[in-house]
PDB file of N, CA and C in Angstrom:
ATOM      1  N   UNK A   1     109.177 102.394  75.263  1.00  0.00           N
ATOM      2  CA  UNK A   1     108.789 103.535  76.080  1.00  0.00           C
ATOM      3  C   UNK A   1     109.704 104.729  75.834  1.00  0.00           C
ATOM      4  N   UNK A   2     110.778 104.531  75.106  1.00  0.00           N
ATOM      5  CA  UNK A   2     111.634 105.645  74.774  1.00  0.00           C
ATOM      6  C   UNK A   2     112.619 106.044  75.852  1.00  0.00           C
ATOM      7  N   UNK A   3     112.825 105.216  76.861  1.00  0.00           N
ATOM      8  CA  UNK A   3     113.798 105.502  77.911  1.00  0.00           C
ATOM      9  C   UNK A   3     114.653 104.265  78.150  1.00  0.00           C
ATOM     10  N   UNK A   4     115.755 104.463  78.827  1.00  0.00           N
ATOM     11  CA  UNK A   4     116.665 103.344  79.100  1.00  0.00           C
ATOM     12  C   UNK A   4     116.138 102.491  80.251  1.00  0.00           C
ATOM     13  N   UNK A   5     116.551 101.224  80.290  1.00  0.00           N
ATOM     14  CA  UNK A   5     116.162 100.377  81.427  1.00  0.00           C
ATOM     15  C   UNK A   5     116.571 100.976  82.770  1.00  0.00           C
ATOM     16  N   UNK A   6     117.731 101.618  82.823  1.00  0.00           N
ATOM     17  CA  UNK A   6     118.169 102.236  84.087  1.00  0.00           C
ATOM     18  C   UNK A   6     117.247 103.386  84.506  1.00  0.00           C
ATOM     19  N   UNK A   7     116.765 104.160  83.541  1.00  0.00           N
ATOM     20  CA  UNK A   7     115.836 105.249  83.853  1.00  0.00           C
ATOM     21  C   UNK A   7     114.526 104.684  84.392  1.00  0.00           C
ATOM     22  N   UNK A   8     114.054 103.600  83.781  1.00  0.00           N
ATOM     23  CA  UNK A   8     112.824 102.961  84.249  1.00  0.00           C
ATOM     24  C   UNK A   8     113.026 102.421  85.661  1.00  0.00           C
ATOM     25  N   UNK A   9     114.159 101.765  85.884  1.00  0.00           N
ATOM     26  CA  UNK A   9     114.440 101.234  87.225  1.00  0.00           C
ATOM     27  C   UNK A   9     114.482 102.360  88.253  1.00  0.00           C
ATOM     28  N   UNK A  10     115.039 103.509  87.875  1.00  0.00           N
ATOM     29  CA  UNK A  10     115.093 104.652  88.784  1.00  0.00           C
ATOM     30  C   UNK A  10     113.707 105.174  89.115  1.00  0.00           C
ATOM     31  N   UNK A  11     112.844 105.270  88.108  1.00  0.00           N
ATOM     32  CA  UNK A  11     111.480 105.740  88.338  1.00  0.00           C
ATOM     33  C   UNK A  11     110.708 104.757  89.205  1.00  0.00           C
ATOM     34  N   UNK A  12     110.900 103.469  88.947  1.00  0.00           N
ATOM     35  CA  UNK A  12     110.234 102.449  89.756  1.00  0.00           C
ATOM     36  C   UNK A  12     110.732 102.508  91.193  1.00  0.00           C
ATOM     37  N   UNK A  13     112.029 102.680  91.375  1.00  0.00           N
ATOM     38  CA  UNK A  13     112.590 102.794  92.721  1.00  0.00           C
ATOM     39  C   UNK A  13     111.975 103.986  93.451  1.00  0.00           C
ATOM     40  N   UNK A  14     111.854 105.129  92.760  1.00  0.00           N
ATOM     41  CA  UNK A  14     111.265 106.318  93.378  1.00  0.00           C
ATOM     42  C   UNK A  14     109.828 106.051  93.810  1.00  0.00           C
ATOM     43  N   UNK A  15     109.053 105.389  92.939  1.00  0.00           N
ATOM     44  CA  UNK A  15     107.660 105.075  93.265  1.00  0.00           C
ATOM     45  C   UNK A  15     107.592 104.090  94.427  1.00  0.00           C
ATOM     46  N   UNK A  16     108.475 103.105  94.417  1.00  0.00           N
ATOM     47  CA  UNK A  16     108.504 102.120  95.493  1.00  0.00           C
ATOM     48  C   UNK A  16     108.786 102.809  96.827  1.00  0.00           C
ATOM     49  N   UNK A  17     109.713 103.742  96.849  1.00  0.00           N
ATOM     50  CA  UNK A  17     110.027 104.468  98.076  1.00  0.00           C
ATOM     51  C   UNK A  17     108.834 105.307  98.533  1.00  0.00           C
ATOM     52  N   UNK A  18     108.109 105.867  97.570  1.00  0.00           N
ATOM     53  CA  UNK A  18     106.937 106.682  97.893  1.00  0.00           C
ATOM     54  C   UNK A  18     105.837 105.831  98.520  1.00  0.00           C
ATOM     55  N   UNK A  19     105.667 104.602  98.055  1.00  0.00           N
ATOM     56  CA  UNK A  19     104.584 103.748  98.547  1.00  0.00           C
ATOM     57  C   UNK A  19     104.992 102.880  99.724  1.00  0.00           C
ATOM     58  N   UNK A  20     106.287 102.761  99.992  1.00  0.00           N
ATOM     59  CA  UNK A  20     106.779 101.915 101.065  1.00  0.00           C
ATOM     60  C   UNK A  20     106.221 102.387 102.410  1.00  0.00           C
ATOM     61  N   UNK A  21     105.567 101.487 103.109  1.00  0.00           N
ATOM     62  CA  UNK A  21     105.042 101.795 104.423  1.00  0.00           C
ATOM     63  C   UNK A  21     103.699 102.496 104.441  1.00  0.00           C
ATOM     64  N   UNK A  22     103.096 102.714 103.270  1.00  0.00           N
ATOM     65  CA  UNK A  22     101.779 103.346 103.215  1.00  0.00           C
ATOM     66  C   UNK A  22     100.729 102.266 103.455  1.00  0.00           C
ATOM     67  N   UNK A  23      99.926 102.448 104.493  1.00  0.00           N
ATOM     68  CA  UNK A  23      98.897 101.464 104.826  1.00  0.00           C
ATOM     69  C   UNK A  23      97.968 101.228 103.645  1.00  0.00           C
ATOM     70  N   UNK A  24      97.672  99.960 103.399  1.00  0.00           N
ATOM     71  CA  UNK A  24      96.720  99.592 102.369  1.00  0.00           C
ATOM     72  C   UNK A  24      97.280  99.515 100.970  1.00  0.00           C
ATOM     73  N   UNK A  25      98.596  99.691 100.800  1.00  0.00           N
ATOM     74  CA  UNK A  25      99.194  99.665  99.463  1.00  0.00           C
ATOM     75  C   UNK A  25     100.216  98.536  99.374  1.00  0.00           C
ATOM     76  N   UNK A  26     100.053  97.717  98.351  1.00  0.00           N
ATOM     77  CA  UNK A  26     101.037  96.675  98.040  1.00  0.00           C
ATOM     78  C   UNK A  26     101.569  96.960  96.640  1.00  0.00           C
ATOM     79  N   UNK A  27     102.894  97.013  96.507  1.00  0.00           N
ATOM     80  CA  UNK A  27     103.520  97.335  95.226  1.00  0.00           C
ATOM     81  C   UNK A  27     104.563  96.292  94.887  1.00  0.00           C
ATOM     82  N   UNK A  28     104.478  95.763  93.662  1.00  0.00           N
ATOM     83  CA  UNK A  28     105.481  94.819  93.154  1.00  0.00           C
ATOM     84  C   UNK A  28     105.841  95.225  91.735  1.00  0.00           C
ATOM     85  N   UNK A  29     107.029  94.797  91.305  1.00  0.00           N
ATOM     86  CA  UNK A  29     107.448  95.127  89.939  1.00  0.00           C
ATOM     87  C   UNK A  29     108.443  94.103  89.436  1.00  0.00           C
ATOM     88  N   UNK A  30     108.599  94.087  88.123  1.00  0.00           N
ATOM     89  CA  UNK A  30     109.612  93.272  87.456  1.00  0.00           C
ATOM     90  C   UNK A  30     110.088  94.065  86.243  1.00  0.00           C
ATOM     91  N   UNK A  31     111.408  94.123  86.041  1.00  0.00           N
ATOM     92  CA  UNK A  31     111.980  94.895  84.938  1.00  0.00           C
ATOM     93  C   UNK A  31     113.001  94.038  84.216  1.00  0.00           C
ATOM     94  N   UNK A  32     112.945  94.051  82.879  1.00  0.00           N
ATOM     95  CA  UNK A  32     114.039  93.489  82.090  1.00  0.00           C
ATOM     96  C   UNK A  32     114.388  94.511  81.015  1.00  0.00           C
ATOM     97  N   UNK A  33     115.204  94.151  80.052  1.00  0.00           N
ATOM     98  CA  UNK A  33     115.687  95.131  79.082  1.00  0.00           C
ATOM     99  C   UNK A  33     114.614  95.677  78.144  1.00  0.00           C
ATOM    100  N   UNK A  34     113.478  94.994  78.012  1.00  0.00           N
ATOM    101  CA  UNK A  34     112.483  95.503  77.073  1.00  0.00           C
ATOM    102  C   UNK A  34     111.068  95.612  77.652  1.00  0.00           C
ATOM    103  N   UNK A  35     110.905  95.370  78.940  1.00  0.00           N
ATOM    104  CA  UNK A  35     109.567  95.412  79.515  1.00  0.00           C
ATOM    105  C   UNK A  35     109.642  95.693  81.010  1.00  0.00           C
ATOM    106  N   UNK A  36     108.701  96.498  81.479  1.00  0.00           N
ATOM    107  CA  UNK A  36     108.562  96.755  82.908  1.00  0.00           C
ATOM    108  C   UNK A  36     107.110  96.473  83.280  1.00  0.00           C
ATOM    109  N   UNK A  37     106.922  95.635  84.278  1.00  0.00           N
ATOM    110  CA  UNK A  37     105.586  95.342  84.784  1.00  0.00           C
ATOM    111  C   UNK A  37     105.496  95.840  86.215  1.00  0.00           C
ATOM    112  N   UNK A  38     104.433  96.556  86.497  1.00  0.00           N
ATOM    113  CA  UNK A  38     104.214  97.054  87.844  1.00  0.00           C
ATOM    114  C   UNK A  38     102.834  96.637  88.298  1.00  0.00           C
ATOM    115  N   UNK A  39     102.726  96.368  89.585  1.00  0.00           N
ATOM    116  CA  UNK A  39     101.468  95.956  90.186  1.00  0.00           C
ATOM    117  C   UNK A  39     101.287  96.774  91.451  1.00  0.00           C
ATOM    118  N   UNK A  40     100.214  97.536  91.504  1.00  0.00           N
ATOM    119  CA  UNK A  40      99.870  98.286  92.699  1.00  0.00           C
ATOM    120  C   UNK A  40      98.472  97.866  93.124  1.00  0.00           C
ATOM    121  N   UNK A  41      98.355  97.371  94.347  1.00  0.00           N
ATOM    122  CA  UNK A  41      97.052  97.020  94.902  1.00  0.00           C
ATOM    123  C   UNK A  41      96.756  97.982  96.037  1.00  0.00           C
ATOM    124  N   UNK A  42      95.578  98.574  95.993  1.00  0.00           N
ATOM    125  CA  UNK A  42      95.150  99.483  97.045  1.00  0.00           C
ATOM    126  C   UNK A  42      93.945  98.863  97.736  1.00  0.00           C
ATOM    127  N   UNK A  43      94.080  98.608  99.032  1.00  0.00           N
ATOM    128  CA  UNK A  43      92.971  98.105  99.845  1.00  0.00           C
ATOM    129  C   UNK A  43      92.316  99.322 100.494  1.00  0.00           C
ATOM    130  N   UNK A  44      91.234  99.773  99.885  1.00  0.00           N
ATOM    131  CA  UNK A  44      90.627 101.033 100.280  1.00  0.00           C
ATOM    132  C   UNK A  44      90.144 101.043 101.722  1.00  0.00           C
ATOM    133  N   UNK A  45      89.720  99.890 102.240  1.00  0.00           N
ATOM    134  CA  UNK A  45      89.245  99.863 103.627  1.00  0.00           C
ATOM    135  C   UNK A  45      90.388 100.056 104.620  1.00  0.00           C
ATOM    136  N   UNK A  46      91.634  99.799 104.218  1.00  0.00           N
ATOM    137  CA  UNK A  46      92.797  99.949 105.100  1.00  0.00           C
ATOM    138  C   UNK A  46      93.608 101.208 104.813  1.00  0.00           C
ATOM    139  N   UNK A  47      93.376 101.826 103.676  1.00  0.00           N
ATOM    140  CA  UNK A  47      94.252 102.895 103.198  1.00  0.00           C
ATOM    141  C   UNK A  47      93.875 104.260 103.761  1.00  0.00           C
ATOM    142  N   UNK A  48      94.880 105.102 103.879  1.00  0.00           N
ATOM    143  CA  UNK A  48      94.696 106.514 104.187  1.00  0.00           C
ATOM    144  C   UNK A  48      94.486 107.206 102.839  1.00  0.00           C
ATOM    145  N   UNK A  49      93.232 107.429 102.468  1.00  0.00           N
ATOM    146  CA  UNK A  49      92.917 107.938 101.137  1.00  0.00           C
ATOM    147  C   UNK A  49      93.504 109.320 100.886  1.00  0.00           C
ATOM    148  N   UNK A  50      93.537 110.167 101.900  1.00  0.00           N
ATOM    149  CA  UNK A  50      94.128 111.491 101.737  1.00  0.00           C
ATOM    150  C   UNK A  50      95.613 111.374 101.396  1.00  0.00           C
ATOM    151  N   UNK A  51      96.319 110.442 102.035  1.00  0.00           N
ATOM    152  CA  UNK A  51      97.743 110.230 101.752  1.00  0.00           C
ATOM    153  C   UNK A  51      97.929 109.700 100.325  1.00  0.00           C
ATOM    154  N   UNK A  52      97.069 108.770  99.909  1.00  0.00           N
ATOM    155  CA  UNK A  52      97.160 108.229  98.555  1.00  0.00           C
ATOM    156  C   UNK A  52      96.906 109.308  97.511  1.00  0.00           C
ATOM    157  N   UNK A  53      95.980 110.204  97.771  1.00  0.00           N
ATOM    158  CA  UNK A  53      95.729 111.322  96.848  1.00  0.00           C
ATOM    159  C   UNK A  53      96.938 112.249  96.826  1.00  0.00           C
ATOM    160  N   UNK A  54      97.492 112.544  97.994  1.00  0.00           N
ATOM    161  CA  UNK A  54      98.679 113.403  98.082  1.00  0.00           C
ATOM    162  C   UNK A  54      99.839 112.829  97.265  1.00  0.00           C
ATOM    163  N   UNK A  55      99.975 111.505  97.265  1.00  0.00           N
ATOM    164  CA  UNK A  55     101.048 110.834  96.534  1.00  0.00           C
ATOM    165  C   UNK A  55     100.701 110.587  95.065  1.00  0.00           C
ATOM    166  N   UNK A  56      99.529 111.020  94.625  1.00  0.00           N
ATOM    167  CA  UNK A  56      99.047 110.813  93.250  1.00  0.00           C
ATOM    168  C   UNK A  56      98.912 109.342  92.894  1.00  0.00           C
ATOM    169  N   UNK A  57      98.605 108.507  93.888  1.00  0.00           N
ATOM    170  CA  UNK A  57      98.370 107.089  93.635  1.00  0.00           C
ATOM    171  C   UNK A  57      96.932 106.876  93.199  1.00  0.00           C
ATOM    172  N   UNK A  58      96.014 107.666  93.750  1.00  0.00           N
ATOM    173  CA  UNK A  58      94.613 107.591  93.343  1.00  0.00           C
ATOM    174  C   UNK A  58      94.122 108.991  93.000  1.00  0.00           C
ATOM    175  N   UNK A  59      93.060 109.047  92.249  1.00  0.00           N
ATOM    176  CA  UNK A  59      92.404 110.306  91.894  1.00  0.00           C
ATOM    177  C   UNK A  59      90.971 110.213  92.386  1.00  0.00           C
ATOM    178  N   UNK A  60      90.407 111.325  92.802  1.00  0.00           N
ATOM    179  CA  UNK A  60      89.018 111.341  93.250  1.00  0.00           C
ATOM    180  C   UNK A  60      88.689 112.647  93.940  1.00  0.00           C
ATOM    181  N   UNK A  61      87.496 112.737  94.461  1.00  0.00           N
ATOM    182  CA  UNK A  61      87.036 113.936  95.159  1.00  0.00           C
ATOM    183  C   UNK A  61      86.974 113.653  96.646  1.00  0.00           C
ATOM    184  N   UNK A  62      87.690 114.456  97.425  1.00  0.00           N
ATOM    185  CA  UNK A  62      87.801 114.228  98.859  1.00  0.00           C
ATOM    186  C   UNK A  62      87.142 115.367  99.616  1.00  0.00           C
ATOM    187  N   UNK A  63      86.401 115.015 100.657  1.00  0.00           N
ATOM    188  CA  UNK A  63      85.638 116.009 101.409  1.00  0.00           C
ATOM    189  C   UNK A  63      86.252 116.346 102.759  1.00  0.00           C
ATOM    190  N   UNK A  64      87.212 115.568 103.205  1.00  0.00           N
ATOM    191  CA  UNK A  64      87.833 115.842 104.494  1.00  0.00           C
ATOM    192  C   UNK A  64      88.981 114.888 104.707  1.00  0.00           C
ATOM    193  N   UNK A  65      89.575 114.942 105.878  1.00  0.00           N
ATOM    194  CA  UNK A  65      90.702 114.067 106.161  1.00  0.00           C
ATOM    195  C   UNK A  65      90.263 112.606 106.084  1.00  0.00           C
ATOM    196  N   UNK A  66      90.860 111.883 105.170  1.00  0.00           N
ATOM    197  CA  UNK A  66      90.614 110.450 104.970  1.00  0.00           C
ATOM    198  C   UNK A  66      89.150 110.134 104.657  1.00  0.00           C
ATOM    199  N   UNK A  67      88.440 111.108 104.088  1.00  0.00           N
ATOM    200  CA  UNK A  67      87.057 110.881 103.659  1.00  0.00           C
ATOM    201  C   UNK A  67      86.999 111.115 102.162  1.00  0.00           C
ATOM    202  N   UNK A  68      86.148 110.407 101.501  1.00  0.00           N
ATOM    203  CA  UNK A  68      86.031 110.585 100.060  1.00  0.00           C
ATOM    204  C   UNK A  68      84.589 110.422  99.627  1.00  0.00           C
ATOM    205  N   UNK A  69      84.228 111.192  98.641  1.00  0.00           N
ATOM    206  CA  UNK A  69      82.935 110.978  98.007  1.00  0.00           C
ATOM    207  C   UNK A  69      83.028 109.752  97.097  1.00  0.00           C
ATOM    208  N   UNK A  70      84.164 109.628  96.406  1.00  0.00           N
ATOM    209  CA  UNK A  70      84.412 108.463  95.574  1.00  0.00           C
ATOM    210  C   UNK A  70      85.857 108.480  95.124  1.00  0.00           C
ATOM    211  N   UNK A  71      86.358 107.323  94.761  1.00  0.00           N
ATOM    212  CA  UNK A  71      87.650 107.199  94.097  1.00  0.00           C
ATOM    213  C   UNK A  71      87.324 106.928  92.641  1.00  0.00           C
ATOM    214  N   UNK A  72      87.840 107.743  91.768  1.00  0.00           N
ATOM    215  CA  UNK A  72      87.485 107.666  90.361  1.00  0.00           C
ATOM    216  C   UNK A  72      88.506 106.814  89.611  1.00  0.00           C
ATOM    217  N   UNK A  73      88.116 105.582  89.267  1.00  0.00           N
ATOM    218  CA  UNK A  73      89.001 104.667  88.554  1.00  0.00           C
ATOM    219  C   UNK A  73      89.415 105.246  87.213  1.00  0.00           C
ATOM    220  N   UNK A  74      88.482 105.831  86.481  1.00  0.00           N
ATOM    221  CA  UNK A  74      88.829 106.359  85.165  1.00  0.00           C
ATOM    222  C   UNK A  74      89.821 107.513  85.275  1.00  0.00           C
ATOM    223  N   UNK A  75      89.641 108.408  86.263  1.00  0.00           N
ATOM    224  CA  UNK A  75      90.604 109.495  86.454  1.00  0.00           C
ATOM    225  C   UNK A  75      91.977 108.940  86.825  1.00  0.00           C
ATOM    226  N   UNK A  76      92.008 107.886  87.626  1.00  0.00           N
ATOM    227  CA  UNK A  76      93.276 107.264  87.997  1.00  0.00           C
ATOM    228  C   UNK A  76      93.940 106.656  86.770  1.00  0.00           C
ATOM    229  N   UNK A  77      93.182 105.919  85.969  1.00  0.00           N
ATOM    230  CA  UNK A  77      93.727 105.334  84.727  1.00  0.00           C
ATOM    231  C   UNK A  77      94.212 106.441  83.799  1.00  0.00           C
ATOM    232  N   UNK A  78      93.427 107.506  83.637  1.00  0.00           N
ATOM    233  CA  UNK A  78      93.818 108.615  82.769  1.00  0.00           C
ATOM    234  C   UNK A  78      95.115 109.264  83.235  1.00  0.00           C
ATOM    235  N   UNK A  79      95.264 109.440  84.551  1.00  0.00           N
ATOM    236  CA  UNK A  79      96.485 110.048  85.090  1.00  0.00           C
ATOM    237  C   UNK A  79      97.700 109.168  84.817  1.00  0.00           C
ATOM    238  N   UNK A  80      97.555 107.858  84.975  1.00  0.00           N
ATOM    239  CA  UNK A  80      98.665 106.940  84.709  1.00  0.00           C
ATOM    240  C   UNK A  80      98.978 106.884  83.224  1.00  0.00           C
ATOM    241  N   UNK A  81      97.952 106.885  82.378  1.00  0.00           N
ATOM    242  CA  UNK A  81      98.156 106.866  80.927  1.00  0.00           C
ATOM    243  C   UNK A  81      98.871 108.139  80.475  1.00  0.00           C
ATOM    244  N   UNK A  82      98.512 109.261  81.074  1.00  0.00           N
ATOM    245  CA  UNK A  82      99.117 110.547  80.722  1.00  0.00           C
ATOM    246  C   UNK A  82     100.623 110.558  80.939  1.00  0.00           C
ATOM    247  N   UNK A  83     101.092 109.820  81.950  1.00  0.00           N
ATOM    248  CA  UNK A  83     102.541 109.796  82.205  1.00  0.00           C
ATOM    249  C   UNK A  83     103.231 108.623  81.522  1.00  0.00           C
ATOM    250  N   UNK A  84     102.489 107.880  80.672  1.00  0.00           N
ATOM    251  CA  UNK A  84     103.139 106.879  79.835  1.00  0.00           C
ATOM    252  C   UNK A  84     102.851 105.434  80.136  1.00  0.00           C
ATOM    253  N   UNK A  85     102.025 105.154  81.140  1.00  0.00           N
ATOM    254  CA  UNK A  85     101.715 103.767  81.460  1.00  0.00           C
ATOM    255  C   UNK A  85     100.705 103.202  80.470  1.00  0.00           C
ATOM    256  N   UNK A  86     100.753 101.919  80.281  1.00  0.00           N
ATOM    257  CA  UNK A  86      99.731 101.206  79.521  1.00  0.00           C
ATOM    258  C   UNK A  86      99.179 100.129  80.442  1.00  0.00           C
ATOM    259  N   UNK A  87      98.083  99.494  80.018  1.00  0.00           N
ATOM    260  CA  UNK A  87      97.513  98.475  80.879  1.00  0.00           C
ATOM    261  C   UNK A  87      97.346  97.180  80.101  1.00  0.00           C
ATOM    262  N   UNK A  88      97.435  96.086  80.834  1.00  0.00           N
ATOM    263  CA  UNK A  88      97.182  94.768  80.293  1.00  0.00           C
ATOM    264  C   UNK A  88      96.009  94.191  81.050  1.00  0.00           C
ATOM    265  N   UNK A  89      95.196  93.384  80.348  1.00  0.00           N
ATOM    266  CA  UNK A  89      94.058  92.766  81.025  1.00  0.00           C
ATOM    267  C   UNK A  89      94.188  91.277  80.943  1.00  0.00           C
TER     268      UNK A  89
END
């Protein structure tokens, strides 16, 4: 990824702090010297979608407070890929 393990740990810590206590979000991670794995689960029926959009956790079109026309999975994947994430299936 072109960064040090400490830099990755710092970024993960920042993200963890951002998601900590947000309803409907579960975040886990594991880091070693050559790999970082992150897991974010969003339970849309429990989540404050406006807050998740504000935090850049999800992408989509929102029509009002905690209302959405849709959550766009591809836009979310594209946003994460743009900042350097990859995905495993």
